[in-house]
Amino acid sequence: MENHSDVLKETFNQYGFPLTRHQAAQFEQYREVLLRWNKQVNLTAITDKVEVTHKHFLDSLSVLEHIALKDGDTVMDIGTGAGFPGIVLKIYVPNIRLTLVEASKKKGSFLTFLIAKLNLHQKASVEVLTERAEVCVRDPNYTGAYDWVFTRYVATIRDSAAYCLPFLKPTGKWVAYKSRKEIIDTEIKESATDLKALGGRVETVFTTPKFNRSYVVIKKT
């Protein structure tokens, strides 16, 4: 009989994301810890194991069909919640240098526990900032320091631009996960003036139909 890690490995492979045995075990442990903590801390509305795999893990990874994360890349995940997409990307590309920004103290505690449990700090640095991004962006240690900024929440591009763009290196890119394709054009149009004022512009939009997911890629100008 197959164990849960083997089933995870097969599922990820079917979607084009092959896992090592160690990565499969990490994702299985992540799922267990997430659902256990979720009984006390509101981390996710998704409580079915299969749905966690598809709607959190694979959805987070799906961006890698369009962009390439390299070893040593500095990555910031703003509003990460329970670690999506940041920790998922860190498991899959272990040598990225990851900063997770999450204002909720309870979610921050979960992230700190999870990082230790999965030994994610062994490969390259991973840091949790339990603070609002609007506050973090005032710290010169973080501004202009990142190759990638990811957001996977409901706030609009316009509302997020002032605290996402400043974290990027001159060559960096901000990737905003979006799920409602029909509103992306409106969001891009409404954010154009703000992005220009902040020294950014929309470079491209990618779409992954199997996850009903689009990604708006914004770069510095």
N, C-alpha and C. Protein backbone atom coordinates (compact mmCIF):
# COMPACT_ATOMS: atom_id res chain seq x y z
N MET A 1 0.84 -1.20 0.00
CA MET A 1 0.00 0.00 0.00
C MET A 1 0.89 1.26 0.00
N GLU A 2 0.57 2.23 -0.85
CA GLU A 2 1.37 3.45 -0.96
C GLU A 2 1.17 4.32 0.28
N ASN A 3 2.27 4.94 0.74
CA ASN A 3 2.10 5.90 1.83
C ASN A 3 1.74 7.26 1.25
N HIS A 4 1.44 8.20 2.16
CA HIS A 4 0.97 9.51 1.71
C HIS A 4 2.03 10.25 0.90
N SER A 5 3.30 10.10 1.28
CA SER A 5 4.37 10.78 0.55
C SER A 5 4.47 10.29 -0.88
N ASP A 6 4.27 8.97 -1.08
CA ASP A 6 4.32 8.42 -2.43
C ASP A 6 3.16 8.95 -3.29
N VAL A 7 2.00 9.07 -2.68
CA VAL A 7 0.83 9.60 -3.40
C VAL A 7 1.09 11.06 -3.78
N LEU A 8 1.64 11.84 -2.84
CA LEU A 8 2.00 13.23 -3.13
C LEU A 8 2.99 13.31 -4.29
N LYS A 9 3.99 12.44 -4.24
CA LYS A 9 5.03 12.41 -5.27
C LYS A 9 4.41 12.17 -6.65
N GLU A 10 3.50 11.22 -6.72
CA GLU A 10 2.83 10.90 -7.98
C GLU A 10 1.99 12.08 -8.48
N THR A 11 1.26 12.72 -7.54
CA THR A 11 0.39 13.84 -7.91
C THR A 11 1.21 15.00 -8.46
N PHE A 12 2.27 15.37 -7.75
CA PHE A 12 3.13 16.46 -8.22
C PHE A 12 3.72 16.14 -9.59
N ASN A 13 4.13 14.90 -9.76
CA ASN A 13 4.73 14.47 -11.03
C ASN A 13 3.75 14.59 -12.19
N GLN A 14 2.49 14.26 -11.93
CA GLN A 14 1.45 14.36 -12.96
C GLN A 14 1.30 15.81 -13.45
N TYR A 15 1.57 16.76 -12.57
CA TYR A 15 1.45 18.18 -12.93
C TYR A 15 2.77 18.79 -13.38
N GLY A 16 3.78 17.95 -13.55
CA GLY A 16 5.05 18.43 -14.08
C GLY A 16 6.01 18.97 -13.04
N PHE A 17 5.80 18.60 -11.78
CA PHE A 17 6.68 19.05 -10.70
C PHE A 17 7.24 17.84 -9.95
N PRO A 18 8.24 17.17 -10.53
CA PRO A 18 8.80 15.99 -9.87
C PRO A 18 9.44 16.34 -8.53
N LEU A 19 9.24 15.49 -7.55
CA LEU A 19 9.79 15.69 -6.21
C LEU A 19 10.81 14.62 -5.87
N THR A 20 11.79 14.99 -5.06
CA THR A 20 12.64 13.97 -4.45
C THR A 20 11.84 13.33 -3.32
N ARG A 21 12.31 12.22 -2.82
CA ARG A 21 11.63 11.58 -1.69
C ARG A 21 11.60 12.51 -0.47
N HIS A 22 12.70 13.25 -0.28
CA HIS A 22 12.78 14.18 0.84
C HIS A 22 11.76 15.30 0.69
N GLN A 23 11.63 15.85 -0.50
CA GLN A 23 10.64 16.92 -0.73
C GLN A 23 9.22 16.41 -0.51
N ALA A 24 8.94 15.21 -0.98
CA ALA A 24 7.60 14.63 -0.79
C ALA A 24 7.30 14.48 0.69
N ALA A 25 8.29 14.06 1.46
CA ALA A 25 8.11 13.91 2.91
C ALA A 25 7.88 15.29 3.56
N GLN A 26 8.60 16.31 3.06
CA GLN A 26 8.42 17.66 3.60
C GLN A 26 7.01 18.17 3.32
N PHE A 27 6.52 17.97 2.11
CA PHE A 27 5.16 18.43 1.79
C PHE A 27 4.11 17.68 2.61
N GLU A 28 4.33 16.39 2.83
CA GLU A 28 3.40 15.62 3.65
C GLU A 28 3.39 16.15 5.08
N GLN A 29 4.57 16.45 5.61
CA GLN A 29 4.66 16.99 6.97
C GLN A 29 4.05 18.40 7.04
N TYR A 30 4.30 19.20 6.03
CA TYR A 30 3.70 20.53 5.95
C TYR A 30 2.18 20.43 6.05
N ARG A 31 1.61 19.54 5.27
CA ARG A 31 0.16 19.37 5.25
C ARG A 31 -0.38 18.95 6.61
N GLU A 32 0.32 18.02 7.25
CA GLU A 32 -0.10 17.55 8.58
C GLU A 32 -0.06 18.67 9.61
N VAL A 33 1.05 19.41 9.62
CA VAL A 33 1.22 20.50 10.59
C VAL A 33 0.18 21.60 10.34
N LEU A 34 -0.04 21.93 9.06
CA LEU A 34 -1.02 22.94 8.69
C LEU A 34 -2.41 22.59 9.22
N LEU A 35 -2.85 21.37 8.98
CA LEU A 35 -4.20 20.96 9.36
C LEU A 35 -4.33 20.81 10.88
N ARG A 36 -3.24 20.44 11.54
CA ARG A 36 -3.27 20.33 13.00
C ARG A 36 -3.37 21.72 13.64
N TRP A 37 -2.53 22.63 13.19
CA TRP A 37 -2.56 24.00 13.73
C TRP A 37 -3.86 24.71 13.37
N ASN A 38 -4.43 24.35 12.23
CA ASN A 38 -5.63 25.03 11.75
C ASN A 38 -6.83 24.85 12.69
N LYS A 39 -6.75 23.84 13.54
CA LYS A 39 -7.84 23.61 14.50
C LYS A 39 -7.86 24.68 15.59
N GLN A 40 -6.69 25.31 15.83
CA GLN A 40 -6.59 26.36 16.84
C GLN A 40 -6.39 27.76 16.24
N VAL A 41 -5.70 27.81 15.10
CA VAL A 41 -5.38 29.09 14.45
C VAL A 41 -5.99 29.09 13.06
N ASN A 42 -6.68 30.15 12.70
CA ASN A 42 -7.34 30.20 11.40
C ASN A 42 -6.30 30.43 10.30
N LEU A 43 -5.82 29.33 9.70
CA LEU A 43 -4.78 29.39 8.67
C LEU A 43 -5.34 29.22 7.27
N THR A 44 -6.34 28.38 7.13
CA THR A 44 -6.91 28.09 5.81
C THR A 44 -8.33 27.59 5.95
N ALA A 45 -9.16 27.94 4.96
CA ALA A 45 -10.52 27.41 4.92
C ALA A 45 -10.55 26.03 4.27
N ILE A 46 -9.44 25.64 3.67
CA ILE A 46 -9.34 24.34 2.98
C ILE A 46 -8.81 23.31 3.97
N THR A 47 -9.62 22.31 4.27
CA THR A 47 -9.23 21.32 5.28
C THR A 47 -9.17 19.89 4.74
N ASP A 48 -9.45 19.72 3.47
CA ASP A 48 -9.33 18.41 2.84
C ASP A 48 -7.90 18.22 2.34
N LYS A 49 -7.29 17.08 2.64
CA LYS A 49 -5.88 16.86 2.30
C LYS A 49 -5.61 16.99 0.81
N VAL A 50 -6.48 16.42 0.00
CA VAL A 50 -6.29 16.48 -1.46
C VAL A 50 -6.40 17.93 -1.95
N GLU A 51 -7.35 18.67 -1.39
CA GLU A 51 -7.52 20.06 -1.79
C GLU A 51 -6.34 20.92 -1.36
N VAL A 52 -5.77 20.64 -0.19
CA VAL A 52 -4.56 21.36 0.24
C VAL A 52 -3.46 21.16 -0.79
N THR A 53 -3.31 19.93 -1.25
CA THR A 53 -2.28 19.63 -2.26
C THR A 53 -2.50 20.42 -3.54
N HIS A 54 -3.73 20.45 -4.02
CA HIS A 54 -4.01 21.11 -5.30
C HIS A 54 -4.15 22.63 -5.18
N LYS A 55 -4.91 23.08 -4.18
CA LYS A 55 -5.26 24.50 -4.11
C LYS A 55 -4.22 25.35 -3.38
N HIS A 56 -3.33 24.71 -2.65
CA HIS A 56 -2.25 25.46 -1.99
C HIS A 56 -0.88 25.10 -2.56
N PHE A 57 -0.52 23.82 -2.50
CA PHE A 57 0.83 23.43 -2.92
C PHE A 57 1.05 23.59 -4.43
N LEU A 58 0.23 22.90 -5.21
CA LEU A 58 0.43 22.95 -6.67
C LEU A 58 0.09 24.32 -7.23
N ASP A 59 -0.91 24.98 -6.68
CA ASP A 59 -1.23 26.33 -7.12
C ASP A 59 -0.05 27.27 -6.86
N SER A 60 0.59 27.14 -5.71
CA SER A 60 1.75 27.98 -5.40
C SER A 60 2.90 27.72 -6.37
N LEU A 61 3.11 26.45 -6.70
CA LEU A 61 4.22 26.07 -7.58
C LEU A 61 3.96 26.40 -9.05
N SER A 62 2.69 26.54 -9.42
CA SER A 62 2.35 26.68 -10.84
C SER A 62 3.03 27.86 -11.51
N VAL A 63 3.43 28.86 -10.73
CA VAL A 63 4.13 30.01 -11.31
C VAL A 63 5.45 29.60 -11.97
N LEU A 64 6.01 28.49 -11.52
CA LEU A 64 7.30 28.04 -12.06
C LEU A 64 7.19 27.50 -13.48
N GLU A 65 5.97 27.40 -13.98
CA GLU A 65 5.79 27.08 -15.40
C GLU A 65 6.16 28.29 -16.27
N HIS A 66 6.25 29.46 -15.64
CA HIS A 66 6.46 30.70 -16.39
C HIS A 66 7.72 31.46 -16.01
N ILE A 67 8.21 31.27 -14.80
CA ILE A 67 9.43 31.95 -14.36
C ILE A 67 10.41 30.92 -13.82
N ALA A 68 11.67 31.31 -13.72
CA ALA A 68 12.70 30.40 -13.19
C ALA A 68 13.32 31.00 -11.93
N LEU A 69 13.16 30.29 -10.82
CA LEU A 69 13.85 30.67 -9.59
C LEU A 69 15.21 29.98 -9.58
N LYS A 70 16.26 30.75 -9.30
CA LYS A 70 17.61 30.19 -9.29
C LYS A 70 18.16 30.11 -7.88
N ASP A 71 19.10 29.19 -7.67
CA ASP A 71 19.79 29.11 -6.39
C ASP A 71 20.36 30.48 -6.03
N GLY A 72 20.15 30.90 -4.81
CA GLY A 72 20.69 32.17 -4.36
C GLY A 72 19.79 33.36 -4.59
N ASP A 73 18.70 33.19 -5.35
CA ASP A 73 17.76 34.30 -5.56
C ASP A 73 17.17 34.74 -4.22
N THR A 74 17.03 36.05 -4.06
CA THR A 74 16.36 36.59 -2.88
C THR A 74 14.88 36.76 -3.18
N VAL A 75 14.04 36.19 -2.31
CA VAL A 75 12.60 36.11 -2.56
C VAL A 75 11.85 36.64 -1.34
N MET A 76 10.90 37.53 -1.57
CA MET A 76 10.02 38.00 -0.50
C MET A 76 8.59 37.62 -0.84
N ASP A 77 7.89 37.03 0.14
CA ASP A 77 6.49 36.67 -0.01
C ASP A 77 5.70 37.55 0.96
N ILE A 78 4.93 38.48 0.42
CA ILE A 78 4.19 39.45 1.23
C ILE A 78 2.77 38.96 1.48
N GLY A 79 2.36 38.97 2.75
CA GLY A 79 1.04 38.46 3.10
C GLY A 79 0.96 36.97 2.92
N THR A 80 2.01 36.28 3.36
CA THR A 80 2.17 34.85 3.09
C THR A 80 1.14 33.95 3.77
N GLY A 81 0.53 34.42 4.87
CA GLY A 81 -0.46 33.60 5.56
C GLY A 81 0.19 32.35 6.15
N ALA A 82 -0.20 31.19 5.64
CA ALA A 82 0.35 29.92 6.12
C ALA A 82 1.55 29.45 5.29
N GLY A 83 2.14 30.40 4.52
CA GLY A 83 3.36 30.07 3.78
C GLY A 83 3.19 29.88 2.29
N PHE A 84 2.09 30.43 1.75
CA PHE A 84 1.80 30.25 0.33
C PHE A 84 1.97 31.57 -0.41
N PRO A 85 2.82 31.63 -1.44
CA PRO A 85 3.57 30.53 -2.04
C PRO A 85 4.98 30.31 -1.48
N GLY A 86 5.44 31.18 -0.57
CA GLY A 86 6.85 31.21 -0.20
C GLY A 86 7.46 29.91 0.27
N ILE A 87 6.83 29.27 1.26
CA ILE A 87 7.42 28.03 1.80
C ILE A 87 7.34 26.90 0.78
N VAL A 88 6.28 26.89 0.00
CA VAL A 88 6.16 25.87 -1.06
C VAL A 88 7.32 26.02 -2.05
N LEU A 89 7.59 27.25 -2.46
CA LEU A 89 8.70 27.51 -3.39
C LEU A 89 10.04 27.16 -2.75
N LYS A 90 10.17 27.41 -1.46
CA LYS A 90 11.42 27.12 -0.74
C LYS A 90 11.68 25.62 -0.66
N ILE A 91 10.63 24.83 -0.47
CA ILE A 91 10.79 23.37 -0.46
C ILE A 91 11.24 22.89 -1.84
N TYR A 92 10.64 23.48 -2.87
CA TYR A 92 10.92 23.01 -4.24
C TYR A 92 12.26 23.52 -4.76
N VAL A 93 12.62 24.74 -4.39
CA VAL A 93 13.92 25.32 -4.79
C VAL A 93 14.64 25.70 -3.49
N PRO A 94 15.28 24.74 -2.83
CA PRO A 94 15.74 24.93 -1.45
C PRO A 94 16.76 26.05 -1.25
N ASN A 95 17.51 26.40 -2.28
CA ASN A 95 18.60 27.36 -2.10
C ASN A 95 18.23 28.81 -2.36
N ILE A 96 16.93 29.11 -2.47
CA ILE A 96 16.54 30.52 -2.51
C ILE A 96 16.67 31.09 -1.10
N ARG A 97 16.84 32.42 -1.02
CA ARG A 97 16.92 33.12 0.26
C ARG A 97 15.57 33.80 0.47
N LEU A 98 14.81 33.31 1.43
CA LEU A 98 13.39 33.64 1.55
C LEU A 98 13.09 34.54 2.75
N THR A 99 12.28 35.57 2.50
CA THR A 99 11.73 36.40 3.57
C THR A 99 10.21 36.34 3.48
N LEU A 100 9.58 35.96 4.58
CA LEU A 100 8.12 35.87 4.65
C LEU A 100 7.60 37.04 5.46
N VAL A 101 6.64 37.78 4.91
CA VAL A 101 6.05 38.92 5.61
C VAL A 101 4.61 38.57 5.95
N GLU A 102 4.29 38.58 7.24
CA GLU A 102 2.95 38.22 7.70
C GLU A 102 2.64 38.99 8.99
N ALA A 103 1.62 39.84 8.93
CA ALA A 103 1.31 40.72 10.05
C ALA A 103 0.73 39.98 11.26
N SER A 104 0.05 38.87 11.02
CA SER A 104 -0.57 38.13 12.12
C SER A 104 0.47 37.42 12.98
N LYS A 105 0.45 37.71 14.28
CA LYS A 105 1.41 37.08 15.20
C LYS A 105 1.20 35.57 15.27
N LYS A 106 -0.05 35.15 15.27
CA LYS A 106 -0.35 33.71 15.35
C LYS A 106 0.15 32.97 14.11
N LYS A 107 -0.07 33.57 12.94
CA LYS A 107 0.43 32.95 11.71
C LYS A 107 1.95 32.98 11.68
N GLY A 108 2.52 34.06 12.20
CA GLY A 108 3.98 34.14 12.30
C GLY A 108 4.55 33.04 13.17
N SER A 109 3.86 32.72 14.27
CA SER A 109 4.30 31.62 15.15
C SER A 109 4.23 30.29 14.41
N PHE A 110 3.17 30.10 13.65
CA PHE A 110 3.04 28.88 12.84
C PHE A 110 4.20 28.76 11.85
N LEU A 111 4.50 29.85 11.17
CA LEU A 111 5.57 29.83 10.16
C LEU A 111 6.92 29.50 10.80
N THR A 112 7.20 30.10 11.94
CA THR A 112 8.46 29.85 12.64
C THR A 112 8.56 28.39 13.05
N PHE A 113 7.46 27.85 13.57
CA PHE A 113 7.43 26.43 13.95
C PHE A 113 7.64 25.54 12.73
N LEU A 114 6.94 25.85 11.64
CA LEU A 114 7.01 25.03 10.42
C LEU A 114 8.42 25.03 9.83
N ILE A 115 9.04 26.20 9.78
CA ILE A 115 10.39 26.31 9.22
C ILE A 115 11.36 25.42 9.99
N ALA A 116 11.24 25.42 11.32
CA ALA A 116 12.11 24.57 12.15
C ALA A 116 11.79 23.10 11.93
N LYS A 117 10.50 22.79 11.86
CA LYS A 117 10.06 21.40 11.71
C LYS A 117 10.56 20.80 10.39
N LEU A 118 10.57 21.61 9.34
CA LEU A 118 10.97 21.13 8.01
C LEU A 118 12.46 21.36 7.73
N ASN A 119 13.17 21.91 8.72
CA ASN A 119 14.62 22.19 8.57
C ASN A 119 14.91 23.06 7.35
N LEU A 120 14.05 24.02 7.08
CA LEU A 120 14.21 24.83 5.88
C LEU A 120 15.36 25.82 5.97
N HIS A 121 15.80 26.10 7.19
CA HIS A 121 16.89 27.06 7.39
C HIS A 121 18.26 26.45 7.06
N GLN A 122 18.33 25.15 6.81
CA GLN A 122 19.62 24.50 6.61
C GLN A 122 20.24 24.84 5.25
N LYS A 123 19.42 25.00 4.23
CA LYS A 123 19.94 25.21 2.87
C LYS A 123 20.39 26.64 2.62
N ALA A 124 19.54 27.59 2.95
CA ALA A 124 19.85 29.01 2.79
C ALA A 124 18.90 29.77 3.71
N SER A 125 19.14 31.04 3.89
CA SER A 125 18.40 31.78 4.91
C SER A 125 16.90 31.82 4.64
N VAL A 126 16.13 31.76 5.71
CA VAL A 126 14.68 31.96 5.65
C VAL A 126 14.31 32.75 6.89
N GLU A 127 13.56 33.83 6.69
CA GLU A 127 13.26 34.78 7.75
C GLU A 127 11.78 35.08 7.76
N VAL A 128 11.23 35.24 8.97
CA VAL A 128 9.83 35.62 9.12
C VAL A 128 9.77 37.02 9.72
N LEU A 129 9.11 37.94 9.02
CA LEU A 129 8.88 39.29 9.53
C LEU A 129 7.42 39.38 9.94
N THR A 130 7.17 39.40 11.24
CA THR A 130 5.79 39.47 11.73
C THR A 130 5.40 40.93 11.85
N GLU A 131 5.13 41.51 10.70
CA GLU A 131 4.86 42.94 10.61
C GLU A 131 4.13 43.23 9.30
N ARG A 132 3.48 44.37 9.25
CA ARG A 132 2.84 44.79 8.01
C ARG A 132 3.91 45.21 6.99
N ALA A 133 3.67 44.92 5.74
CA ALA A 133 4.63 45.28 4.69
C ALA A 133 4.85 46.78 4.64
N GLU A 134 3.82 47.56 4.97
CA GLU A 134 3.94 49.01 4.97
C GLU A 134 4.98 49.49 5.97
N VAL A 135 5.18 48.71 7.04
CA VAL A 135 6.20 49.04 8.05
C VAL A 135 7.57 48.52 7.59
N CYS A 136 7.60 47.29 7.08
CA CYS A 136 8.86 46.68 6.63
C CYS A 136 9.54 47.51 5.55
N VAL A 137 8.73 48.15 4.71
CA VAL A 137 9.28 48.88 3.57
C VAL A 137 10.07 50.12 4.01
N ARG A 138 9.93 50.51 5.27
CA ARG A 138 10.70 51.65 5.79
C ARG A 138 12.10 51.24 6.24
N ASP A 139 12.35 49.95 6.28
CA ASP A 139 13.65 49.44 6.76
C ASP A 139 14.62 49.31 5.59
N PRO A 140 15.73 50.07 5.60
CA PRO A 140 16.67 50.03 4.48
C PRO A 140 17.37 48.69 4.29
N ASN A 141 17.28 47.80 5.30
CA ASN A 141 17.87 46.47 5.16
C ASN A 141 17.09 45.62 4.14
N TYR A 142 15.85 46.00 3.89
CA TYR A 142 15.00 45.19 3.01
C TYR A 142 14.70 45.87 1.67
N THR A 143 14.68 47.17 1.64
CA THR A 143 14.36 47.85 0.37
C THR A 143 15.49 47.65 -0.64
N GLY A 144 15.10 47.43 -1.87
CA GLY A 144 16.06 47.23 -2.95
C GLY A 144 16.89 45.97 -2.84
N ALA A 145 16.36 44.97 -2.11
CA ALA A 145 17.18 43.79 -1.79
C ALA A 145 16.72 42.49 -2.47
N TYR A 146 15.62 42.52 -3.21
CA TYR A 146 15.02 41.25 -3.64
C TYR A 146 14.95 41.09 -5.16
N ASP A 147 15.26 39.86 -5.59
CA ASP A 147 15.10 39.49 -7.00
C ASP A 147 13.64 39.29 -7.35
N TRP A 148 12.88 38.78 -6.36
CA TRP A 148 11.46 38.46 -6.59
C TRP A 148 10.64 38.87 -5.39
N VAL A 149 9.49 39.46 -5.65
CA VAL A 149 8.46 39.67 -4.64
C VAL A 149 7.21 38.96 -5.14
N PHE A 150 6.60 38.14 -4.26
CA PHE A 150 5.37 37.43 -4.61
C PHE A 150 4.23 37.89 -3.72
N THR A 151 3.05 38.05 -4.32
CA THR A 151 1.83 38.28 -3.54
C THR A 151 0.76 37.32 -4.05
N ARG A 152 0.08 36.68 -3.11
CA ARG A 152 -0.98 35.72 -3.48
C ARG A 152 -2.20 36.00 -2.58
N TYR A 153 -2.68 37.21 -2.66
CA TYR A 153 -3.83 37.59 -1.84
C TYR A 153 -4.78 38.43 -2.68
N VAL A 154 -5.83 38.97 -2.05
CA VAL A 154 -6.90 39.60 -2.84
C VAL A 154 -6.69 41.09 -3.09
N ALA A 155 -5.74 41.73 -2.41
CA ALA A 155 -5.52 43.17 -2.62
C ALA A 155 -5.15 43.45 -4.07
N THR A 156 -5.54 44.61 -4.55
CA THR A 156 -5.28 44.96 -5.94
C THR A 156 -3.82 45.36 -6.14
N ILE A 157 -3.40 45.35 -7.40
CA ILE A 157 -2.04 45.79 -7.75
C ILE A 157 -1.84 47.24 -7.31
N ARG A 158 -2.84 48.06 -7.57
CA ARG A 158 -2.74 49.48 -7.20
C ARG A 158 -2.53 49.64 -5.69
N ASP A 159 -3.29 48.89 -4.89
CA ASP A 159 -3.20 49.02 -3.43
C ASP A 159 -1.91 48.44 -2.87
N SER A 160 -1.27 47.54 -3.61
CA SER A 160 -0.07 46.87 -3.12
C SER A 160 1.23 47.51 -3.61
N ALA A 161 1.14 48.32 -4.66
CA ALA A 161 2.34 48.79 -5.35
C ALA A 161 3.31 49.55 -4.45
N ALA A 162 2.79 50.39 -3.57
CA ALA A 162 3.65 51.26 -2.76
C ALA A 162 4.55 50.48 -1.81
N TYR A 163 4.13 49.27 -1.42
CA TYR A 163 4.98 48.48 -0.52
C TYR A 163 5.52 47.20 -1.17
N CYS A 164 5.29 47.00 -2.46
CA CYS A 164 5.89 45.86 -3.16
C CYS A 164 7.09 46.29 -4.00
N LEU A 165 6.90 47.30 -4.81
CA LEU A 165 7.97 47.74 -5.72
C LEU A 165 9.26 48.17 -5.00
N PRO A 166 9.19 48.88 -3.86
CA PRO A 166 10.44 49.33 -3.22
C PRO A 166 11.36 48.21 -2.74
N PHE A 167 10.83 47.01 -2.55
CA PHE A 167 11.67 45.90 -2.10
C PHE A 167 12.56 45.34 -3.22
N LEU A 168 12.21 45.63 -4.47
CA LEU A 168 12.90 45.02 -5.60
C LEU A 168 14.27 45.63 -5.88
N LYS A 169 15.19 44.76 -6.29
CA LYS A 169 16.44 45.22 -6.89
C LYS A 169 16.10 45.91 -8.22
N PRO A 170 17.03 46.66 -8.81
CA PRO A 170 16.76 47.29 -10.11
C PRO A 170 16.34 46.29 -11.19
N THR A 171 16.82 45.04 -11.07
CA THR A 171 16.46 44.00 -12.05
C THR A 171 15.36 43.06 -11.53
N GLY A 172 14.82 43.38 -10.35
CA GLY A 172 13.85 42.48 -9.72
C GLY A 172 12.47 42.54 -10.34
N LYS A 173 11.64 41.53 -10.00
CA LYS A 173 10.28 41.48 -10.52
C LYS A 173 9.30 41.10 -9.42
N TRP A 174 8.15 41.72 -9.48
CA TRP A 174 7.04 41.41 -8.56
C TRP A 174 6.01 40.60 -9.33
N VAL A 175 5.65 39.43 -8.78
CA VAL A 175 4.65 38.57 -9.41
C VAL A 175 3.41 38.53 -8.53
N ALA A 176 2.31 39.03 -9.05
CA ALA A 176 1.04 39.04 -8.32
C ALA A 176 0.16 37.91 -8.84
N TYR A 177 -0.14 36.95 -7.97
CA TYR A 177 -1.05 35.85 -8.32
C TYR A 177 -2.47 36.43 -8.39
N LYS A 178 -3.19 36.11 -9.45
CA LYS A 178 -4.57 36.55 -9.62
C LYS A 178 -5.43 35.38 -10.06
N SER A 179 -6.67 35.36 -9.55
CA SER A 179 -7.53 34.21 -9.87
C SER A 179 -8.72 34.58 -10.75
N ARG A 180 -9.05 35.85 -10.85
CA ARG A 180 -10.20 36.25 -11.67
C ARG A 180 -9.68 36.96 -12.92
N LYS A 181 -9.57 36.19 -13.97
CA LYS A 181 -8.99 36.68 -15.22
C LYS A 181 -9.72 37.92 -15.75
N GLU A 182 -11.03 37.96 -15.53
CA GLU A 182 -11.83 39.04 -16.11
C GLU A 182 -11.54 40.41 -15.48
N ILE A 183 -10.92 40.43 -14.28
CA ILE A 183 -10.67 41.73 -13.66
C ILE A 183 -9.21 42.18 -13.81
N ILE A 184 -8.38 41.33 -14.41
CA ILE A 184 -6.95 41.67 -14.51
C ILE A 184 -6.73 42.91 -15.36
N ASP A 185 -7.39 42.99 -16.51
CA ASP A 185 -7.22 44.16 -17.38
C ASP A 185 -7.60 45.45 -16.65
N THR A 186 -8.68 45.37 -15.86
CA THR A 186 -9.13 46.54 -15.09
C THR A 186 -8.09 46.92 -14.05
N GLU A 187 -7.58 45.90 -13.34
CA GLU A 187 -6.55 46.16 -12.32
C GLU A 187 -5.31 46.81 -12.93
N ILE A 188 -4.89 46.29 -14.05
CA ILE A 188 -3.68 46.83 -14.71
C ILE A 188 -3.91 48.27 -15.13
N LYS A 189 -5.08 48.53 -15.70
CA LYS A 189 -5.40 49.89 -16.15
C LYS A 189 -5.44 50.85 -14.97
N GLU A 190 -6.08 50.43 -13.88
CA GLU A 190 -6.24 51.30 -12.72
C GLU A 190 -4.93 51.55 -11.98
N SER A 191 -3.97 50.64 -12.14
CA SER A 191 -2.70 50.76 -11.41
C SER A 191 -1.62 51.49 -12.21
N ALA A 192 -1.87 51.76 -13.48
CA ALA A 192 -0.82 52.29 -14.37
C ALA A 192 -0.17 53.56 -13.84
N THR A 193 -0.99 54.51 -13.38
CA THR A 193 -0.45 55.79 -12.91
C THR A 193 0.41 55.59 -11.66
N ASP A 194 -0.10 54.77 -10.73
CA ASP A 194 0.65 54.52 -9.49
C ASP A 194 1.96 53.80 -9.77
N LEU A 195 1.91 52.80 -10.64
CA LEU A 195 3.12 52.05 -10.97
C LEU A 195 4.17 52.98 -11.60
N LYS A 196 3.72 53.81 -12.51
CA LYS A 196 4.65 54.73 -13.18
C LYS A 196 5.29 55.68 -12.17
N ALA A 197 4.49 56.19 -11.23
CA ALA A 197 5.00 57.10 -10.22
C ALA A 197 6.03 56.42 -9.31
N LEU A 198 5.87 55.12 -9.12
CA LEU A 198 6.77 54.36 -8.25
C LEU A 198 7.93 53.73 -9.03
N GLY A 199 7.97 53.97 -10.33
CA GLY A 199 9.07 53.44 -11.14
C GLY A 199 8.88 51.99 -11.54
N GLY A 200 7.65 51.62 -11.85
CA GLY A 200 7.39 50.25 -12.28
C GLY A 200 6.42 50.19 -13.45
N ARG A 201 6.34 49.03 -14.07
CA ARG A 201 5.35 48.83 -15.14
C ARG A 201 5.06 47.34 -15.27
N VAL A 202 3.89 47.02 -15.80
CA VAL A 202 3.52 45.62 -16.05
C VAL A 202 4.32 45.12 -17.24
N GLU A 203 5.05 44.05 -17.03
CA GLU A 203 5.86 43.47 -18.11
C GLU A 203 5.05 42.48 -18.94
N THR A 204 4.32 41.59 -18.26
CA THR A 204 3.55 40.56 -18.96
C THR A 204 2.53 39.95 -18.02
N VAL A 205 1.61 39.18 -18.59
CA VAL A 205 0.64 38.41 -17.81
C VAL A 205 0.70 36.97 -18.30
N PHE A 206 0.89 36.05 -17.36
CA PHE A 206 0.88 34.62 -17.68
C PHE A 206 -0.41 34.00 -17.16
N THR A 207 -0.83 32.92 -17.80
CA THR A 207 -2.05 32.22 -17.37
C THR A 207 -1.81 30.73 -17.33
N THR A 208 -2.33 30.08 -16.27
CA THR A 208 -2.29 28.63 -16.15
C THR A 208 -3.73 28.14 -15.99
N PRO A 209 -4.40 27.78 -17.09
CA PRO A 209 -5.82 27.44 -17.04
C PRO A 209 -6.15 26.29 -16.09
N LYS A 210 -5.27 25.29 -15.98
CA LYS A 210 -5.61 24.12 -15.16
C LYS A 210 -5.75 24.47 -13.68
N PHE A 211 -5.19 25.61 -13.27
CA PHE A 211 -5.36 26.07 -11.90
C PHE A 211 -6.23 27.33 -11.82
N ASN A 212 -6.83 27.72 -12.96
CA ASN A 212 -7.62 28.94 -13.00
C ASN A 212 -6.83 30.09 -12.40
N ARG A 213 -5.58 30.21 -12.82
CA ARG A 213 -4.65 31.15 -12.20
C ARG A 213 -3.93 31.99 -13.25
N SER A 214 -3.82 33.27 -12.96
CA SER A 214 -3.01 34.16 -13.78
C SER A 214 -1.99 34.86 -12.90
N TYR A 215 -0.93 35.37 -13.52
CA TYR A 215 0.13 36.03 -12.78
C TYR A 215 0.50 37.30 -13.53
N VAL A 216 0.45 38.43 -12.83
CA VAL A 216 0.85 39.70 -13.42
C VAL A 216 2.30 39.95 -12.98
N VAL A 217 3.18 40.10 -13.95
CA VAL A 217 4.61 40.31 -13.68
C VAL A 217 4.92 41.80 -13.86
N ILE A 218 5.41 42.40 -12.79
CA ILE A 218 5.70 43.84 -12.77
C ILE A 218 7.19 44.04 -12.54
N LYS A 219 7.79 44.89 -13.33
CA LYS A 219 9.24 45.13 -13.19
C LYS A 219 9.51 46.60 -12.99
N LYS A 220 10.71 46.90 -12.52
CA LYS A 220 11.13 48.30 -12.37
C LYS A 220 11.49 48.85 -13.74
N THR A 221 11.30 50.15 -13.91
CA THR A 221 11.63 50.78 -15.19
C THR A 221 12.89 51.60 -15.02
